[in-house]
Amino acid sequence: MPLPAPTSVPLVANLHVRDQMAPAAGPVELASGVDALYLSGHGYLSTAFLASLEEQRVFADQVSLAVPFELGRCTFGLAPHGWGKHRFCLDHESGRIGFTSSTKLPSVRIQPRAEFLHALGLVGPVRHFEDLLRPVVDGLGLSVARIDLFCDLENMLFQGDDRRAFLCRGDVCTTYEADHVCTGFSFGSRRTQRISARIYDKTAEMATKGSDWWEVVWGERHHDGAQVWRVEFEIGRTALSELDLFLPDAVLAAAPSLWRSCATRTGAGAPGSRPSRPPAAPAPASMICAD
């Protein structure tokens, strides 16, 4: 889903990037879009399917390793552990799926991998998991449990004392440092499942996690050795439901307006607060600006 912006050009389906010829007098946008999408699946899991999951889970427990499990055209690894409250955890290069027989939880929990989102865009991964799950989940319906929106910026510098420069309705603001160097901030609480925000040194995180594929995404716009900061909003189920946003297509269509609402209103994570309803007109991709 492209974020409409006249000065941006598409790199891959889920990303827009700043024109490499744009002046670098201020922060330079390298990429923006959706970095995480968590889905819940509602429907009925047959007794036979649950039995096959249980059989393989017992085997995985015995060998203490993930074991193959065929799901549609894909072979997942069924782990010897659960995923949160979902007993069955299946991993694949496209993402992770959790299954449960509990009637108090969604039958299915889905998290496409970030690489998969950025390679295929947003609609593609949703359809991919729908196609895999419909044969085994009777009456499947998907809803969005969480969406993370991001913007990667170069030519910026933050210090720990800069936390006082931010306004936030949330009560929680945390500063992160390593060797007395600021590596980021977080605003609001994820536990509210409303809105929380992070600003962090993406290049430092890449060095820790080994996700250097982002340099390919940024391409020539990124200068070798330059620090990149990520601005990220995590919008949870509670905030989405307060905006009457449930279905994947509706949430993805609203993503640009959600970003603008988060970036221009100090609403991150305030317990009991409601996010402002996103405006009907979409916001441009480059919404983080230096005054």
Protein backbone atom coordinates (compact mmCIF):
# COMPACT_ATOMS: atom_id res chain seq x y z
CA MET A 1 0.00 0.00 0.00
CA PRO A 2 1.81 3.12 -1.16
CA LEU A 3 1.78 6.21 1.03
CA PRO A 4 0.85 8.97 -1.42
CA ALA A 5 3.43 11.72 -1.69
CA PRO A 6 4.31 13.71 -4.78
CA THR A 7 8.01 13.94 -3.87
CA SER A 8 8.45 10.23 -3.13
CA VAL A 9 9.05 7.30 -5.43
CA PRO A 10 8.20 3.64 -4.71
CA LEU A 11 11.07 1.30 -3.90
CA VAL A 12 9.14 -1.84 -3.05
CA ALA A 13 5.45 -2.43 -2.60
CA ASN A 14 5.24 -1.37 1.05
CA LEU A 15 7.77 1.46 1.00
CA HIS A 16 8.22 4.94 -0.30
CA VAL A 17 11.55 6.70 -0.24
CA ARG A 18 12.69 10.27 -0.59
CA ASP A 19 13.98 11.41 -3.97
CA GLN A 20 17.74 10.92 -3.81
CA MET A 21 18.28 14.35 -5.39
CA ALA A 22 16.38 16.14 -2.61
CA PRO A 23 18.46 18.60 -0.59
CA ALA A 24 19.89 17.30 2.69
CA ALA A 25 19.74 20.54 4.68
CA GLY A 26 17.55 18.88 7.29
CA PRO A 27 16.36 15.38 8.13
CA VAL A 28 16.30 13.17 5.05
CA GLU A 29 13.58 10.54 4.75
CA LEU A 30 15.01 7.21 3.62
CA ALA A 31 11.91 5.05 3.81
CA SER A 32 8.46 4.96 5.40
CA GLY A 33 5.55 2.57 5.60
CA VAL A 34 4.25 -0.34 7.69
CA ASP A 35 6.86 -2.40 9.53
CA ALA A 36 4.65 -4.78 11.49
CA LEU A 37 1.15 -6.16 11.10
CA TYR A 38 -0.34 -8.52 13.69
CA LEU A 39 -3.50 -10.36 12.70
CA SER A 40 -6.07 -12.37 14.64
CA GLY A 41 -8.01 -15.15 12.96
CA HIS A 42 -11.47 -16.17 14.13
CA GLY A 43 -13.10 -19.42 13.12
CA TYR A 44 -13.42 -23.11 13.91
CA LEU A 45 -10.47 -25.55 14.02
CA SER A 46 -11.52 -29.11 13.37
CA THR A 47 -10.78 -31.87 15.86
CA ALA A 48 -8.69 -33.68 13.25
CA PHE A 49 -6.54 -30.62 12.56
CA LEU A 50 -5.98 -29.97 16.27
CA ALA A 51 -5.07 -33.63 16.72
CA SER A 52 -2.44 -33.41 13.97
CA LEU A 53 -0.99 -30.29 15.60
CA GLU A 54 -0.89 -32.02 18.98
CA GLU A 55 0.79 -35.11 17.56
CA GLN A 56 3.58 -33.03 16.00
CA ARG A 57 3.89 -30.85 19.08
CA VAL A 58 4.49 -33.94 21.24
CA PHE A 59 7.14 -35.09 18.78
CA ALA A 60 8.78 -31.63 18.85
CA ASP A 61 8.81 -31.77 22.66
CA GLN A 62 10.52 -35.16 22.57
CA VAL A 63 13.30 -34.07 20.22
CA SER A 64 13.48 -30.47 21.54
CA LEU A 65 13.46 -29.19 17.98
CA ALA A 66 11.01 -27.71 15.54
CA VAL A 67 9.48 -30.40 13.33
CA PRO A 68 8.01 -30.06 9.81
CA PHE A 69 4.30 -29.32 9.50
CA GLU A 70 2.60 -28.96 6.13
CA LEU A 71 0.17 -26.08 5.81
CA GLY A 72 -1.11 -25.60 2.30
CA ARG A 73 1.81 -25.26 -0.09
CA CYS A 74 4.25 -24.32 2.69
CA THR A 75 6.26 -26.37 5.15
CA PHE A 76 6.37 -24.70 8.56
CA GLY A 77 8.46 -25.62 11.57
CA LEU A 78 6.23 -26.53 14.52
CA ALA A 79 8.13 -25.45 17.64
CA PRO A 80 8.42 -27.38 20.93
CA HIS A 81 6.86 -24.37 22.65
CA GLY A 82 3.84 -22.17 22.28
CA TRP A 83 3.46 -18.55 21.23
CA GLY A 84 2.10 -16.65 24.18
CA LYS A 85 -1.24 -18.23 25.08
CA HIS A 86 -1.43 -20.14 21.79
CA ARG A 87 -0.19 -23.70 22.34
CA PHE A 88 0.97 -24.31 18.77
CA CYS A 89 3.65 -22.11 17.21
CA LEU A 90 4.52 -22.53 13.52
CA ASP A 91 7.37 -20.63 11.87
CA HIS A 92 8.12 -20.02 8.20
CA GLU A 93 10.21 -17.50 6.26
CA SER A 94 6.94 -15.70 5.50
CA GLY A 95 5.89 -15.36 9.13
CA ARG A 96 4.64 -16.99 12.31
CA ILE A 97 1.25 -18.57 13.03
CA GLY A 98 -0.16 -19.58 16.40
CA PHE A 99 -3.12 -21.93 16.90
CA THR A 100 -5.21 -22.61 19.98
CA SER A 101 -8.23 -24.71 20.86
CA SER A 102 -9.29 -22.19 23.53
CA THR A 103 -12.68 -20.59 22.97
CA LYS A 104 -11.56 -17.53 24.97
CA LEU A 105 -8.92 -16.53 22.41
CA PRO A 106 -8.84 -16.00 18.65
CA SER A 107 -8.24 -19.40 17.07
CA VAL A 108 -5.30 -18.08 15.07
CA ARG A 109 -2.58 -15.51 15.65
CA ILE A 110 -0.50 -14.30 12.68
CA GLN A 111 2.62 -12.17 12.32
CA PRO A 112 4.10 -11.75 8.83
CA ARG A 113 7.86 -11.20 8.89
CA ALA A 114 9.07 -7.67 8.21
CA GLU A 115 11.08 -8.85 5.19
CA PHE A 116 7.94 -10.46 3.76
CA LEU A 117 5.90 -7.27 4.23
CA HIS A 118 8.51 -5.11 2.54
CA ALA A 119 9.03 -7.54 -0.33
CA LEU A 120 5.37 -8.15 -1.20
CA GLY A 121 3.65 -5.08 0.14
CA LEU A 122 0.77 -5.27 2.60
CA VAL A 123 -2.14 -6.81 0.74
CA GLY A 124 0.01 -9.67 -0.58
CA PRO A 125 0.95 -11.12 2.84
CA VAL A 126 -2.65 -10.84 4.09
CA ARG A 127 -3.91 -12.79 1.08
CA HIS A 128 -1.04 -15.28 1.47
CA PHE A 129 -2.09 -16.19 5.01
CA GLU A 130 -5.78 -16.18 4.12
CA ASP A 131 -5.10 -18.72 1.38
CA LEU A 132 -3.09 -20.92 3.76
CA LEU A 133 -5.64 -20.82 6.57
CA ARG A 134 -9.03 -21.02 4.87
CA PRO A 135 -8.78 -24.78 4.21
CA VAL A 136 -8.11 -25.49 7.92
CA VAL A 137 -10.12 -22.73 9.65
CA ASP A 138 -13.83 -22.97 9.00
CA GLY A 139 -15.47 -19.55 8.70
CA LEU A 140 -12.14 -17.72 8.84
CA GLY A 141 -12.30 -14.00 9.53
CA LEU A 142 -9.22 -11.82 10.01
CA SER A 143 -8.89 -8.69 12.11
CA VAL A 144 -5.91 -6.46 12.91
CA ALA A 145 -4.54 -6.69 16.44
CA ARG A 146 -1.71 -4.20 15.92
CA ILE A 147 -0.01 -2.16 13.22
CA ASP A 148 3.39 -0.43 13.43
CA LEU A 149 4.07 2.60 11.24
CA PHE A 150 7.60 3.90 10.70
CA CYS A 151 9.78 6.51 9.05
CA ASP A 152 13.58 6.20 8.74
CA LEU A 153 15.53 9.46 8.82
CA GLU A 154 19.14 10.42 8.24
CA ASN A 155 20.90 13.66 9.19
CA MET A 156 19.46 13.77 12.71
CA LEU A 157 21.03 13.74 16.16
CA PHE A 158 19.43 13.13 19.54
CA GLN A 159 20.75 13.45 23.08
CA GLY A 160 19.24 12.20 26.30
CA ASP A 161 18.16 15.68 27.38
CA ASP A 162 16.05 15.97 24.23
CA ARG A 163 13.31 13.97 25.95
CA ARG A 164 12.09 17.26 27.41
CA ALA A 165 11.43 18.55 23.91
CA PHE A 166 8.67 15.99 23.26
CA LEU A 167 5.03 16.36 24.21
CA CYS A 168 3.02 13.24 25.03
CA ARG A 169 -0.25 12.57 26.80
CA GLY A 170 1.14 9.29 28.09
CA ASP A 171 2.61 9.14 31.59
CA VAL A 172 5.61 7.03 30.61
CA CYS A 173 8.70 8.33 28.83
CA THR A 174 11.88 6.25 28.82
CA THR A 175 15.34 7.24 27.59
CA TYR A 176 17.78 4.59 26.40
CA GLU A 177 21.56 4.97 26.46
CA ALA A 178 24.58 2.77 25.74
CA ASP A 179 28.02 3.86 26.93
CA HIS A 180 26.51 7.24 27.84
CA VAL A 181 25.28 7.73 24.28
CA CYS A 182 21.56 8.20 23.61
CA THR A 183 20.10 5.37 21.54
CA GLY A 184 16.43 6.28 21.73
CA PHE A 185 13.23 7.13 23.55
CA SER A 186 9.91 5.42 24.12
CA PHE A 187 6.62 7.15 24.88
CA GLY A 188 3.49 5.69 26.38
CA SER A 189 2.81 2.12 27.49
CA ARG A 190 2.32 -0.86 25.19
CA ARG A 191 0.14 -2.49 27.85
CA THR A 192 -2.74 -0.12 27.10
CA GLN A 193 -2.96 -1.55 23.55
CA ARG A 194 -3.65 1.97 22.38
CA ILE A 195 -0.82 4.07 20.96
CA SER A 196 2.83 4.08 21.93
CA ALA A 197 5.83 5.54 20.14
CA ARG A 198 9.55 4.97 19.81
CA ILE A 199 12.42 6.98 18.40
CA TYR A 200 15.58 4.91 18.21
CA ASP A 201 18.93 4.47 16.52
CA LYS A 202 18.07 2.03 13.75
CA THR A 203 21.69 1.54 12.72
CA ALA A 204 22.61 0.50 16.27
CA GLU A 205 19.73 -1.99 16.33
CA MET A 206 20.81 -3.40 12.96
CA ALA A 207 24.30 -4.02 14.32
CA THR A 208 22.77 -6.00 17.19
CA LYS A 209 20.15 -7.96 15.22
CA GLY A 210 22.07 -8.36 11.97
CA SER A 211 19.23 -6.96 9.86
CA ASP A 212 21.58 -5.27 7.41
CA TRP A 213 19.09 -5.81 4.57
CA TRP A 214 17.74 -2.37 5.45
CA GLU A 215 20.79 -0.85 3.76
CA VAL A 216 19.54 -2.39 0.51
CA VAL A 217 16.14 -0.78 1.09
CA TRP A 218 17.68 2.64 1.73
CA GLY A 219 19.99 2.31 -1.27
CA GLU A 220 22.05 5.27 -2.41
CA ARG A 221 20.03 7.69 -0.30
CA HIS A 222 21.84 6.33 2.74
CA HIS A 223 25.43 7.48 3.22
CA ASP A 224 27.79 4.73 4.39
CA GLY A 225 28.41 5.00 8.12
CA ALA A 226 25.69 7.62 8.65
CA GLN A 227 23.37 7.16 11.61
CA VAL A 228 19.72 6.45 10.84
CA TRP A 229 16.95 7.15 13.33
CA ARG A 230 13.57 5.46 13.18
CA VAL A 231 10.35 7.10 14.30
CA GLU A 232 7.77 4.41 14.97
CA PHE A 233 4.17 4.34 16.20
CA GLU A 234 2.62 1.16 17.54
CA ILE A 235 -1.17 1.23 17.29
CA GLY A 236 -2.89 -1.52 19.23
CA ARG A 237 -6.23 -3.26 19.10
CA THR A 238 -7.93 -0.93 21.60
CA ALA A 239 -7.05 2.20 19.63
CA LEU A 240 -8.09 0.58 16.36
CA SER A 241 -11.44 -0.57 17.76
CA GLU A 242 -12.13 2.95 19.09
CA LEU A 243 -11.70 4.13 15.51
CA ASP A 244 -13.95 1.34 14.17
CA LEU A 245 -10.98 -0.15 12.33
CA PHE A 246 -10.99 -3.95 12.39
CA LEU A 247 -10.58 -5.53 8.98
CA PRO A 248 -7.10 -5.60 7.38
CA ASP A 249 -8.14 -3.73 4.23
CA ALA A 250 -9.70 -0.90 6.26
CA VAL A 251 -6.70 -0.59 8.59
CA LEU A 252 -4.20 -0.57 5.73
CA ALA A 253 -6.21 2.04 3.84
CA ALA A 254 -6.20 4.24 6.95
CA ALA A 255 -2.46 3.87 7.62
CA PRO A 256 -1.39 7.26 6.15
CA SER A 257 -4.06 9.09 8.12
CA LEU A 258 -3.22 7.14 11.26
CA TRP A 259 0.38 8.26 10.91
CA ARG A 260 -0.60 11.89 10.57
CA SER A 261 -2.93 11.63 13.54
CA CYS A 262 -0.17 10.14 15.69
CA ALA A 263 2.55 12.50 14.50
CA THR A 264 0.56 15.70 14.92
CA ARG A 265 -1.39 14.91 18.08
CA THR A 266 0.31 14.07 21.35
CA GLY A 267 -1.65 10.91 21.98
CA ALA A 268 0.89 8.16 22.63
CA GLY A 269 -0.23 5.60 25.13
CA ALA A 270 -2.24 7.73 27.49
CA PRO A 271 -4.26 5.37 29.72
CA GLY A 272 -7.92 6.08 29.22
CA SER A 273 -7.33 8.49 26.33
CA ARG A 274 -8.82 8.01 22.92
CA PRO A 275 -6.94 8.68 19.70
CA SER A 276 -8.35 11.31 17.40
CA ARG A 277 -10.25 9.91 14.46
CA PRO A 278 -7.97 10.02 11.43
CA PRO A 279 -8.91 12.59 8.80
CA ALA A 280 -10.45 11.38 5.57
CA ALA A 281 -7.69 12.79 3.39
CA PRO A 282 -4.48 10.74 3.29
CA ALA A 283 -1.31 12.25 4.70
CA PRO A 284 1.93 12.43 2.71
CA ALA A 285 4.74 9.98 3.35
CA SER A 286 7.10 12.65 4.66
CA MET A 287 5.35 13.73 7.84
CA ILE A 288 8.28 14.06 10.21
CA CYS A 289 9.65 17.52 9.66
CA ALA A 290 12.16 19.75 11.41
CA ASP A 291 10.93 23.26 12.22
